[in-house]
Amino acid sequence: MFDISFAELLLVIIVAVVFIRPKDVPTVVRTIAKVMKSLRDFSHEVKQVFDDITREAGAGEIKKTLDAEMQMIKGDDGKFYESYKIPDTLSGNVDVKKNDRPEE
């Protein structure tokens, strides 16, 4: 979530041992855990609000339309052809014809 490396975590522990008395460490850890939980809950609430706003605005339909348009490729002849994702094509999930393009 926060992308903390082992060295950074070790540095935080060393600083905590130096500046925090050993008997206060459990209370500090509990306080940090409470703050982290409240931040996580807050971020979840904000995400829910944005999801509700996009759902009410109809952004889902716009996204579907844009995704469908982005699947089309304009050929040299000016016509539009459907594009395929390579992993789908290789796994056999897409029926690709060898000669999709019209004869010139």
PDB file of N, CA and C in Angstrom:
ATOM      1  N   MET A   1       0.824  -1.184   0.000  1.00  0.00           N
ATOM      2  CA  MET A   1       0.000   0.000   0.000  1.00  0.00           C
ATOM      3  C   MET A   1       0.877   1.261   0.000  1.00  0.00           C
ATOM      4  N   PHE A   2       1.890   1.306   0.893  1.00  0.00           N
ATOM      5  CA  PHE A   2       2.717   2.487   0.969  1.00  0.00           C
ATOM      6  C   PHE A   2       4.076   2.276   0.328  1.00  0.00           C
ATOM      7  N   ASP A   3       4.359   1.066  -0.134  1.00  0.00           N
ATOM      8  CA  ASP A   3       5.596   0.757  -0.837  1.00  0.00           C
ATOM      9  C   ASP A   3       6.814   1.126   0.009  1.00  0.00           C
ATOM     10  N   ILE A   4       6.901   0.525   1.199  1.00  0.00           N
ATOM     11  CA  ILE A   4       8.021   0.765   2.107  1.00  0.00           C
ATOM     12  C   ILE A   4       8.992  -0.401   1.984  1.00  0.00           C
ATOM     13  N   SER A   5      10.257  -0.084   1.740  1.00  0.00           N
ATOM     14  CA  SER A   5      11.255  -1.134   1.623  1.00  0.00           C
ATOM     15  C   SER A   5      11.699  -1.594   3.016  1.00  0.00           C
ATOM     16  N   PHE A   6      12.435  -2.701   3.035  1.00  0.00           N
ATOM     17  CA  PHE A   6      12.910  -3.240   4.305  1.00  0.00           C
ATOM     18  C   PHE A   6      13.862  -2.261   4.982  1.00  0.00           C
ATOM     19  N   ALA A   7      14.731  -1.609   4.216  1.00  0.00           N
ATOM     20  CA  ALA A   7      15.688  -0.658   4.787  1.00  0.00           C
ATOM     21  C   ALA A   7      14.962   0.526   5.424  1.00  0.00           C
ATOM     22  N   GLU A   8      13.919   1.024   4.769  1.00  0.00           N
ATOM     23  CA  GLU A   8      13.155   2.137   5.340  1.00  0.00           C
ATOM     24  C   GLU A   8      12.443   1.713   6.617  1.00  0.00           C
ATOM     25  N   LEU A   9      11.890   0.510   6.608  1.00  0.00           N
ATOM     26  CA  LEU A   9      11.217  -0.002   7.799  1.00  0.00           C
ATOM     27  C   LEU A   9      12.206  -0.168   8.948  1.00  0.00           C
ATOM     28  N   LEU A  10      13.398  -0.664   8.658  1.00  0.00           N
ATOM     29  CA  LEU A  10      14.430  -0.820   9.667  1.00  0.00           C
ATOM     30  C   LEU A  10      14.845   0.532  10.241  1.00  0.00           C
ATOM     31  N   LEU A  11      14.956   1.542   9.379  1.00  0.00           N
ATOM     32  CA  LEU A  11      15.311   2.885   9.839  1.00  0.00           C
ATOM     33  C   LEU A  11      14.234   3.444  10.768  1.00  0.00           C
ATOM     34  N   VAL A  12      12.983   3.247  10.432  1.00  0.00           N
ATOM     35  CA  VAL A  12      11.887   3.715  11.285  1.00  0.00           C
ATOM     36  C   VAL A  12      11.925   3.012  12.633  1.00  0.00           C
ATOM     37  N   ILE A  13      12.210   1.723  12.642  1.00  0.00           N
ATOM     38  CA  ILE A  13      12.276   0.977  13.906  1.00  0.00           C
ATOM     39  C   ILE A  13      13.427   1.486  14.769  1.00  0.00           C
ATOM     40  N   ILE A  14      14.589   1.725  14.152  1.00  0.00           N
ATOM     41  CA  ILE A  14      15.745   2.222  14.904  1.00  0.00           C
ATOM     42  C   ILE A  14      15.449   3.599  15.503  1.00  0.00           C
ATOM     43  N   VAL A  15      14.853   4.482  14.718  1.00  0.00           N
ATOM     44  CA  VAL A  15      14.495   5.819  15.223  1.00  0.00           C
ATOM     45  C   VAL A  15      13.477   5.696  16.347  1.00  0.00           C
ATOM     46  N   ALA A  16      12.528   4.791  16.205  1.00  0.00           N
ATOM     47  CA  ALA A  16      11.524   4.607  17.252  1.00  0.00           C
ATOM     48  C   ALA A  16      12.165   4.109  18.536  1.00  0.00           C
ATOM     49  N   VAL A  17      13.115   3.183  18.433  1.00  0.00           N
ATOM     50  CA  VAL A  17      13.781   2.664  19.626  1.00  0.00           C
ATOM     51  C   VAL A  17      14.601   3.754  20.310  1.00  0.00           C
ATOM     52  N   VAL A  18      15.214   4.627  19.515  1.00  0.00           N
ATOM     53  CA  VAL A  18      16.058   5.679  20.082  1.00  0.00           C
ATOM     54  C   VAL A  18      15.211   6.758  20.760  1.00  0.00           C
ATOM     55  N   PHE A  19      14.124   7.177  20.132  1.00  0.00           N
ATOM     56  CA  PHE A  19      13.370   8.321  20.632  1.00  0.00           C
ATOM     57  C   PHE A  19      12.148   7.967  21.477  1.00  0.00           C
ATOM     58  N   ILE A  20      11.688   6.745  21.424  1.00  0.00           N
ATOM     59  CA  ILE A  20      10.505   6.343  22.196  1.00  0.00           C
ATOM     60  C   ILE A  20      10.953   5.362  23.275  1.00  0.00           C
ATOM     61  N   ARG A  21      10.478   5.593  24.487  1.00  0.00           N
ATOM     62  CA  ARG A  21      10.836   4.682  25.577  1.00  0.00           C
ATOM     63  C   ARG A  21      10.203   3.317  25.316  1.00  0.00           C
ATOM     64  N   PRO A  22      10.874   2.257  25.676  1.00  0.00           N
ATOM     65  CA  PRO A  22      10.359   0.900  25.411  1.00  0.00           C
ATOM     66  C   PRO A  22       8.966   0.649  25.980  1.00  0.00           C
ATOM     67  N   LYS A  23       8.649   1.236  27.130  1.00  0.00           N
ATOM     68  CA  LYS A  23       7.313   0.987  27.688  1.00  0.00           C
ATOM     69  C   LYS A  23       6.225   1.739  26.915  1.00  0.00           C
ATOM     70  N   ASP A  24       6.587   2.778  26.129  1.00  0.00           N
ATOM     71  CA  ASP A  24       5.611   3.527  25.348  1.00  0.00           C
ATOM     72  C   ASP A  24       5.399   2.963  23.944  1.00  0.00           C
ATOM     73  N   VAL A  25       6.231   2.017  23.526  1.00  0.00           N
ATOM     74  CA  VAL A  25       6.147   1.475  22.168  1.00  0.00           C
ATOM     75  C   VAL A  25       4.771   0.849  21.885  1.00  0.00           C
ATOM     76  N   PRO A  26       4.199   0.029  22.782  1.00  0.00           N
ATOM     77  CA  PRO A  26       2.879  -0.547  22.473  1.00  0.00           C
ATOM     78  C   PRO A  26       1.791   0.509  22.251  1.00  0.00           C
ATOM     79  N   THR A  27       1.791   1.585  23.055  1.00  0.00           N
ATOM     80  CA  THR A  27       0.782   2.627  22.857  1.00  0.00           C
ATOM     81  C   THR A  27       1.002   3.364  21.540  1.00  0.00           C
ATOM     82  N   VAL A  28       2.250   3.590  21.171  1.00  0.00           N
ATOM     83  CA  VAL A  28       2.545   4.253  19.897  1.00  0.00           C
ATOM     84  C   VAL A  28       2.102   3.368  18.738  1.00  0.00           C
ATOM     85  N   VAL A  29       2.369   2.071  18.823  1.00  0.00           N
ATOM     86  CA  VAL A  29       1.962   1.146  17.758  1.00  0.00           C
ATOM     87  C   VAL A  29       0.443   1.108  17.645  1.00  0.00           C
ATOM     88  N   ARG A  30      -0.260   1.067  18.784  1.00  0.00           N
ATOM     89  CA  ARG A  30      -1.735   1.073  18.746  1.00  0.00           C
ATOM     90  C   ARG A  30      -2.263   2.357  18.117  1.00  0.00           C
ATOM     91  N   THR A  31      -1.661   3.486  18.487  1.00  0.00           N
ATOM     92  CA  THR A  31      -2.084   4.773  17.937  1.00  0.00           C
ATOM     93  C   THR A  31      -1.857   4.812  16.427  1.00  0.00           C
ATOM     94  N   ILE A  32      -0.703   4.347  15.981  1.00  0.00           N
ATOM     95  CA  ILE A  32      -0.411   4.316  14.538  1.00  0.00           C
ATOM     96  C   ILE A  32      -1.389   3.400  13.823  1.00  0.00           C
ATOM     97  N   ALA A  33      -1.708   2.255  14.428  1.00  0.00           N
ATOM     98  CA  ALA A  33      -2.661   1.326  13.813  1.00  0.00           C
ATOM     99  C   ALA A  33      -4.049   1.965  13.698  1.00  0.00           C
ATOM    100  N   LYS A  34      -4.473   2.703  14.728  1.00  0.00           N
ATOM    101  CA  LYS A  34      -5.777   3.375  14.671  1.00  0.00           C
ATOM    102  C   LYS A  34      -5.802   4.432  13.572  1.00  0.00           C
ATOM    103  N   VAL A  35      -4.704   5.206  13.471  1.00  0.00           N
ATOM    104  CA  VAL A  35      -4.632   6.239  12.437  1.00  0.00           C
ATOM    105  C   VAL A  35      -4.661   5.601  11.050  1.00  0.00           C
ATOM    106  N   MET A  36      -3.920   4.505  10.869  1.00  0.00           N
ATOM    107  CA  MET A  36      -3.904   3.816   9.570  1.00  0.00           C
ATOM    108  C   MET A  36      -5.302   3.288   9.219  1.00  0.00           C
ATOM    109  N   LYS A  37      -6.005   2.737  10.208  1.00  0.00           N
ATOM    110  CA  LYS A  37      -7.354   2.228   9.958  1.00  0.00           C
ATOM    111  C   LYS A  37      -8.306   3.358   9.584  1.00  0.00           C
ATOM    112  N   SER A  38      -8.200   4.481  10.290  1.00  0.00           N
ATOM    113  CA  SER A  38      -9.090   5.604   9.965  1.00  0.00           C
ATOM    114  C   SER A  38      -8.770   6.157   8.574  1.00  0.00           C
ATOM    115  N   LEU A  39      -7.491   6.210   8.189  1.00  0.00           N
ATOM    116  CA  LEU A  39      -7.134   6.649   6.835  1.00  0.00           C
ATOM    117  C   LEU A  39      -7.665   5.686   5.775  1.00  0.00           C
ATOM    118  N   ARG A  40      -7.566   4.394   6.038  1.00  0.00           N
ATOM    119  CA  ARG A  40      -8.075   3.397   5.101  1.00  0.00           C
ATOM    120  C   ARG A  40      -9.594   3.523   4.953  1.00  0.00           C
ATOM    121  N   ASP A  41     -10.295   3.694   6.082  1.00  0.00           N
ATOM    122  CA  ASP A  41     -11.747   3.867   6.037  1.00  0.00           C
ATOM    123  C   ASP A  41     -12.131   5.134   5.281  1.00  0.00           C
ATOM    124  N   PHE A  42     -11.385   6.218   5.522  1.00  0.00           N
ATOM    125  CA  PHE A  42     -11.657   7.472   4.834  1.00  0.00           C
ATOM    126  C   PHE A  42     -11.448   7.332   3.323  1.00  0.00           C
ATOM    127  N   SER A  43     -10.356   6.676   2.924  1.00  0.00           N
ATOM    128  CA  SER A  43     -10.109   6.505   1.491  1.00  0.00           C
ATOM    129  C   SER A  43     -11.187   5.632   0.851  1.00  0.00           C
ATOM    130  N   HIS A  44     -11.675   4.639   1.585  1.00  0.00           N
ATOM    131  CA  HIS A  44     -12.763   3.802   1.068  1.00  0.00           C
ATOM    132  C   HIS A  44     -14.047   4.625   0.882  1.00  0.00           C
ATOM    133  N   GLU A  45     -14.345   5.497   1.831  1.00  0.00           N
ATOM    134  CA  GLU A  45     -15.526   6.354   1.715  1.00  0.00           C
ATOM    135  C   GLU A  45     -15.413   7.302   0.527  1.00  0.00           C
ATOM    136  N   VAL A  46     -14.227   7.894   0.336  1.00  0.00           N
ATOM    137  CA  VAL A  46     -14.019   8.802  -0.795  1.00  0.00           C
ATOM    138  C   VAL A  46     -14.190   8.051  -2.116  1.00  0.00           C
ATOM    139  N   LYS A  47     -13.651   6.841  -2.192  1.00  0.00           N
ATOM    140  CA  LYS A  47     -13.801   6.035  -3.405  1.00  0.00           C
ATOM    141  C   LYS A  47     -15.268   5.721  -3.673  1.00  0.00           C
ATOM    142  N   GLN A  48     -16.009   5.398  -2.630  1.00  0.00           N
ATOM    143  CA  GLN A  48     -17.434   5.122  -2.789  1.00  0.00           C
ATOM    144  C   GLN A  48     -18.185   6.346  -3.310  1.00  0.00           C
ATOM    145  N   VAL A  49     -17.846   7.525  -2.796  1.00  0.00           N
ATOM    146  CA  VAL A  49     -18.505   8.755  -3.240  1.00  0.00           C
ATOM    147  C   VAL A  49     -18.222   8.985  -4.729  1.00  0.00           C
ATOM    148  N   PHE A  50     -16.956   8.829  -5.143  1.00  0.00           N
ATOM    149  CA  PHE A  50     -16.627   9.010  -6.555  1.00  0.00           C
ATOM    150  C   PHE A  50     -17.318   7.967  -7.429  1.00  0.00           C
ATOM    151  N   ASP A  51     -17.404   6.738  -6.956  1.00  0.00           N
ATOM    152  CA  ASP A  51     -18.109   5.705  -7.720  1.00  0.00           C
ATOM    153  C   ASP A  51     -19.587   6.055  -7.870  1.00  0.00           C
ATOM    154  N   ASP A  52     -20.199   6.557  -6.798  1.00  0.00           N
ATOM    155  CA  ASP A  52     -21.607   6.952  -6.861  1.00  0.00           C
ATOM    156  C   ASP A  52     -21.813   8.116  -7.841  1.00  0.00           C
ATOM    157  N   ILE A  53     -20.897   9.077  -7.807  1.00  0.00           N
ATOM    158  CA  ILE A  53     -21.008  10.229  -8.710  1.00  0.00           C
ATOM    159  C   ILE A  53     -20.877   9.791 -10.159  1.00  0.00           C
ATOM    160  N   THR A  54     -19.904   8.928 -10.445  1.00  0.00           N
ATOM    161  CA  THR A  54     -19.736   8.472 -11.834  1.00  0.00           C
ATOM    162  C   THR A  54     -20.918   7.624 -12.277  1.00  0.00           C
ATOM    163  N   ARG A  55     -21.481   6.847 -11.370  1.00  0.00           N
ATOM    164  CA  ARG A  55     -22.647   6.026 -11.725  1.00  0.00           C
ATOM    165  C   ARG A  55     -23.850   6.920 -12.038  1.00  0.00           C
ATOM    166  N   GLU A  56     -24.044   7.966 -11.231  1.00  0.00           N
ATOM    167  CA  GLU A  56     -25.163   8.880 -11.451  1.00  0.00           C
ATOM    168  C   GLU A  56     -24.987   9.682 -12.731  1.00  0.00           C
ATOM    169  N   ALA A  57     -23.745  10.016 -13.067  1.00  0.00           N
ATOM    170  CA  ALA A  57     -23.478  10.825 -14.260  1.00  0.00           C
ATOM    171  C   ALA A  57     -23.520   9.991 -15.532  1.00  0.00           C
ATOM    172  N   GLY A  58     -23.604   8.689 -15.405  1.00  0.00           N
ATOM    173  CA  GLY A  58     -23.644   7.830 -16.587  1.00  0.00           C
ATOM    174  C   GLY A  58     -22.279   7.632 -17.218  1.00  0.00           C
ATOM    175  N   ALA A  59     -21.236   7.754 -16.427  1.00  0.00           N
ATOM    176  CA  ALA A  59     -19.879   7.610 -16.968  1.00  0.00           C
ATOM    177  C   ALA A  59     -19.600   6.181 -17.409  1.00  0.00           C
ATOM    178  N   GLY A  60     -20.322   5.227 -16.864  1.00  0.00           N
ATOM    179  CA  GLY A  60     -20.133   3.830 -17.272  1.00  0.00           C
ATOM    180  C   GLY A  60     -20.477   3.615 -18.739  1.00  0.00           C
ATOM    181  N   GLU A  61     -21.568   4.240 -19.174  1.00  0.00           N
ATOM    182  CA  GLU A  61     -21.961   4.127 -20.579  1.00  0.00           C
ATOM    183  C   GLU A  61     -20.955   4.814 -21.487  1.00  0.00           C
ATOM    184  N   ILE A  62     -20.455   5.972 -21.051  1.00  0.00           N
ATOM    185  CA  ILE A  62     -19.450   6.687 -21.840  1.00  0.00           C
ATOM    186  C   ILE A  62     -18.182   5.848 -21.951  1.00  0.00           C
ATOM    187  N   LYS A  63     -17.785   5.212 -20.847  1.00  0.00           N
ATOM    188  CA  LYS A  63     -16.585   4.373 -20.871  1.00  0.00           C
ATOM    189  C   LYS A  63     -16.769   3.195 -21.818  1.00  0.00           C
ATOM    190  N   LYS A  64     -17.945   2.572 -21.795  1.00  0.00           N
ATOM    191  CA  LYS A  64     -18.192   1.446 -22.706  1.00  0.00           C
ATOM    192  C   LYS A  64     -18.104   1.898 -24.155  1.00  0.00           C
ATOM    193  N   THR A  65     -18.680   3.058 -24.456  1.00  0.00           N
ATOM    194  CA  THR A  65     -18.636   3.586 -25.813  1.00  0.00           C
ATOM    195  C   THR A  65     -17.210   3.887 -26.241  1.00  0.00           C
ATOM    196  N   LEU A  66     -16.447   4.519 -25.358  1.00  0.00           N
ATOM    197  CA  LEU A  66     -15.055   4.835 -25.681  1.00  0.00           C
ATOM    198  C   LEU A  66     -14.225   3.569 -25.856  1.00  0.00           C
ATOM    199  N   ASP A  67     -14.453   2.574 -25.010  1.00  0.00           N
ATOM    200  CA  ASP A  67     -13.714   1.317 -25.144  1.00  0.00           C
ATOM    201  C   ASP A  67     -14.029   0.644 -26.473  1.00  0.00           C
ATOM    202  N   ALA A  68     -15.300   0.689 -26.883  1.00  0.00           N
ATOM    203  CA  ALA A  68     -15.681   0.089 -28.160  1.00  0.00           C
ATOM    204  C   ALA A  68     -15.041   0.836 -29.326  1.00  0.00           C
ATOM    205  N   GLU A  69     -14.992   2.148 -29.239  1.00  0.00           N
ATOM    206  CA  GLU A  69     -14.376   2.935 -30.308  1.00  0.00           C
ATOM    207  C   GLU A  69     -12.865   2.723 -30.362  1.00  0.00           C
ATOM    208  N   MET A  70     -12.261   2.531 -29.213  1.00  0.00           N
ATOM    209  CA  MET A  70     -10.813   2.331 -29.180  1.00  0.00           C
ATOM    210  C   MET A  70     -10.428   0.963 -29.736  1.00  0.00           C
ATOM    211  N   GLN A  71     -11.393   0.048 -29.847  1.00  0.00           N
ATOM    212  CA  GLN A  71     -11.119  -1.270 -30.407  1.00  0.00           C
ATOM    213  C   GLN A  71     -11.071  -1.240 -31.930  1.00  0.00           C
ATOM    214  N   MET A  72     -11.447  -0.115 -32.519  1.00  0.00           N
ATOM    215  CA  MET A  72     -11.472  -0.018 -33.975  1.00  0.00           C
ATOM    216  C   MET A  72     -10.186   0.632 -34.487  1.00  0.00           C
ATOM    217  N   ILE A  73      -9.676   0.100 -35.603  1.00  0.00           N
ATOM    218  CA  ILE A  73      -8.470   0.631 -36.233  1.00  0.00           C
ATOM    219  C   ILE A  73      -8.841   1.045 -37.653  1.00  0.00           C
ATOM    220  N   LYS A  74      -8.383   2.217 -38.041  1.00  0.00           N
ATOM    221  CA  LYS A  74      -8.652   2.685 -39.392  1.00  0.00           C
ATOM    222  C   LYS A  74      -7.618   2.078 -40.335  1.00  0.00           C
ATOM    223  N   GLY A  75      -8.085   1.387 -41.344  1.00  0.00           N
ATOM    224  CA  GLY A  75      -7.198   0.750 -42.309  1.00  0.00           C
ATOM    225  C   GLY A  75      -6.721   1.726 -43.370  1.00  0.00           C
ATOM    226  N   ASP A  76      -5.801   1.263 -44.216  1.00  0.00           N
ATOM    227  CA  ASP A  76      -5.268   2.090 -45.288  1.00  0.00           C
ATOM    228  C   ASP A  76      -6.352   2.500 -46.284  1.00  0.00           C
ATOM    229  N   ASP A  77      -7.390   1.696 -46.390  1.00  0.00           N
ATOM    230  CA  ASP A  77      -8.457   1.986 -47.335  1.00  0.00           C
ATOM    231  C   ASP A  77      -9.526   2.912 -46.754  1.00  0.00           C
ATOM    232  N   GLY A  78      -9.329   3.384 -45.503  1.00  0.00           N
ATOM    233  CA  GLY A  78     -10.265   4.310 -44.895  1.00  0.00           C
ATOM    234  C   GLY A  78     -11.369   3.630 -44.118  1.00  0.00           C
ATOM    235  N   LYS A  79     -11.472   2.309 -44.193  1.00  0.00           N
ATOM    236  CA  LYS A  79     -12.496   1.578 -43.440  1.00  0.00           C
ATOM    237  C   LYS A  79     -11.970   1.247 -42.050  1.00  0.00           C
ATOM    238  N   PHE A  80     -12.911   1.016 -41.125  1.00  0.00           N
ATOM    239  CA  PHE A  80     -12.537   0.687 -39.763  1.00  0.00           C
ATOM    240  C   PHE A  80     -12.608  -0.818 -39.556  1.00  0.00           C
ATOM    241  N   TYR A  81     -11.600  -1.345 -38.873  1.00  0.00           N
ATOM    242  CA  TYR A  81     -11.527  -2.768 -38.577  1.00  0.00           C
ATOM    243  C   TYR A  81     -11.355  -2.952 -37.077  1.00  0.00           C
ATOM    244  N   GLU A  82     -11.895  -4.063 -36.565  1.00  0.00           N
ATOM    245  CA  GLU A  82     -11.808  -4.331 -35.141  1.00  0.00           C
ATOM    246  C   GLU A  82     -10.404  -4.815 -34.794  1.00  0.00           C
ATOM    247  N   SER A  83      -9.850  -4.272 -33.707  1.00  0.00           N
ATOM    248  CA  SER A  83      -8.532  -4.711 -33.256  1.00  0.00           C
ATOM    249  C   SER A  83      -8.710  -5.783 -32.185  1.00  0.00           C
ATOM    250  N   TYR A  84      -7.674  -6.551 -31.958  1.00  0.00           N
ATOM    251  CA  TYR A  84      -7.711  -7.626 -30.970  1.00  0.00           C
ATOM    252  C   TYR A  84      -6.541  -7.479 -30.029  1.00  0.00           C
ATOM    253  N   LYS A  85      -6.732  -7.887 -28.803  1.00  0.00           N
ATOM    254  CA  LYS A  85      -5.633  -7.898 -27.843  1.00  0.00           C
ATOM    255  C   LYS A  85      -4.846  -9.181 -28.072  1.00  0.00           C
ATOM    256  N   ILE A  86      -3.546  -9.068 -28.085  1.00  0.00           N
ATOM    257  CA  ILE A  86      -2.696 -10.211 -28.418  1.00  0.00           C
ATOM    258  C   ILE A  86      -2.907 -11.388 -27.468  1.00  0.00           C
ATOM    259  N   PRO A  87      -2.975 -11.201 -26.137  1.00  0.00           N
ATOM    260  CA  PRO A  87      -3.188 -12.375 -25.272  1.00  0.00           C
ATOM    261  C   PRO A  87      -4.505 -13.088 -25.571  1.00  0.00           C
ATOM    262  N   ASP A  88      -5.569 -12.339 -25.894  1.00  0.00           N
ATOM    263  CA  ASP A  88      -6.843 -12.965 -26.235  1.00  0.00           C
ATOM    264  C   ASP A  88      -6.718 -13.768 -27.522  1.00  0.00           C
ATOM    265  N   THR A  89      -5.998 -13.228 -28.484  1.00  0.00           N
ATOM    266  CA  THR A  89      -5.835 -13.892 -29.764  1.00  0.00           C
ATOM    267  C   THR A  89      -5.036 -15.174 -29.597  1.00  0.00           C
ATOM    268  N   LEU A  90      -3.976 -15.118 -28.814  1.00  0.00           N
ATOM    269  CA  LEU A  90      -3.125 -16.292 -28.624  1.00  0.00           C
ATOM    270  C   LEU A  90      -3.823 -17.375 -27.819  1.00  0.00           C
ATOM    271  N   SER A  91      -4.677 -16.989 -26.882  1.00  0.00           N
ATOM    272  CA  SER A  91      -5.361 -17.987 -26.063  1.00  0.00           C
ATOM    273  C   SER A  91      -6.556 -18.591 -26.784  1.00  0.00           C
ATOM    274  N   GLY A  92      -6.932 -18.031 -27.927  1.00  0.00           N
ATOM    275  CA  GLY A  92      -8.040 -18.585 -28.692  1.00  0.00           C
ATOM    276  C   GLY A  92      -9.386 -18.036 -28.293  1.00  0.00           C
ATOM    277  N   ASN A  93      -9.431 -16.961 -27.501  1.00  0.00           N
ATOM    278  CA  ASN A  93     -10.702 -16.375 -27.070  1.00  0.00           C
ATOM    279  C   ASN A  93     -11.345 -15.526 -28.161  1.00  0.00           C
ATOM    280  N   VAL A  94     -10.609 -15.222 -29.226  1.00  0.00           N
ATOM    281  CA  VAL A  94     -11.114 -14.375 -30.287  1.00  0.00           C
ATOM    282  C   VAL A  94     -11.050 -15.153 -31.593  1.00  0.00           C
ATOM    283  N   ASP A  95     -12.109 -15.074 -32.373  1.00  0.00           N
ATOM    284  CA  ASP A  95     -12.131 -15.726 -33.677  1.00  0.00           C
ATOM    285  C   ASP A  95     -11.588 -14.743 -34.708  1.00  0.00           C
ATOM    286  N   VAL A  96     -10.336 -14.936 -35.104  1.00  0.00           N
ATOM    287  CA  VAL A  96      -9.687 -14.041 -36.050  1.00  0.00           C
ATOM    288  C   VAL A  96      -9.643 -14.712 -37.406  1.00  0.00           C
ATOM    289  N   LYS A  97     -10.158 -13.997 -38.403  1.00  0.00           N
ATOM    290  CA  LYS A  97     -10.104 -14.513 -39.765  1.00  0.00           C
ATOM    291  C   LYS A  97      -8.764 -14.130 -40.364  1.00  0.00           C
ATOM    292  N   LYS A  98      -8.198 -15.017 -41.169  1.00  0.00           N
ATOM    293  CA  LYS A  98      -6.891 -14.727 -41.760  1.00  0.00           C
ATOM    294  C   LYS A  98      -6.964 -13.587 -42.758  1.00  0.00           C
ATOM    295  N   ASN A  99      -8.074 -13.451 -43.455  1.00  0.00           N
ATOM    296  CA  ASN A  99      -8.185 -12.413 -44.473  1.00  0.00           C
ATOM    297  C   ASN A  99      -9.350 -11.494 -44.129  1.00  0.00           C
ATOM    298  N   ASP A 100      -9.164 -10.648 -43.107  1.00  0.00           N
ATOM    299  CA  ASP A 100     -10.217  -9.727 -42.679  1.00  0.00           C
ATOM    300  C   ASP A 100     -10.408  -8.590 -43.653  1.00  0.00           C
ATOM    301  N   ARG A 101      -9.357  -8.202 -44.335  1.00  0.00           N
ATOM    302  CA  ARG A 101      -9.408  -7.033 -45.188  1.00  0.00           C
ATOM    303  C   ARG A 101     -10.016  -7.390 -46.549  1.00  0.00           C
ATOM    304  N   PRO A 102     -10.790  -6.487 -47.114  1.00  0.00           N
ATOM    305  CA  PRO A 102     -11.367  -6.737 -48.421  1.00  0.00           C
ATOM    306  C   PRO A 102     -10.294  -6.699 -49.511  1.00  0.00           C
ATOM    307  N   GLU A 103     -10.562  -7.383 -50.590  1.00  0.00           N
ATOM    308  CA  GLU A 103      -9.646  -7.396 -51.737  1.00  0.00           C
ATOM    309  C   GLU A 103      -9.575  -6.013 -52.349  1.00  0.00           C
ATOM    310  N   GLU A 104      -8.383  -5.617 -52.773  1.00  0.00           N
ATOM    311  CA  GLU A 104      -8.215  -4.297 -53.391  1.00  0.00           C
ATOM    312  C   GLU A 104      -8.230  -4.399 -54.885  1.00  0.00           C
TER     313      GLU A 104
END
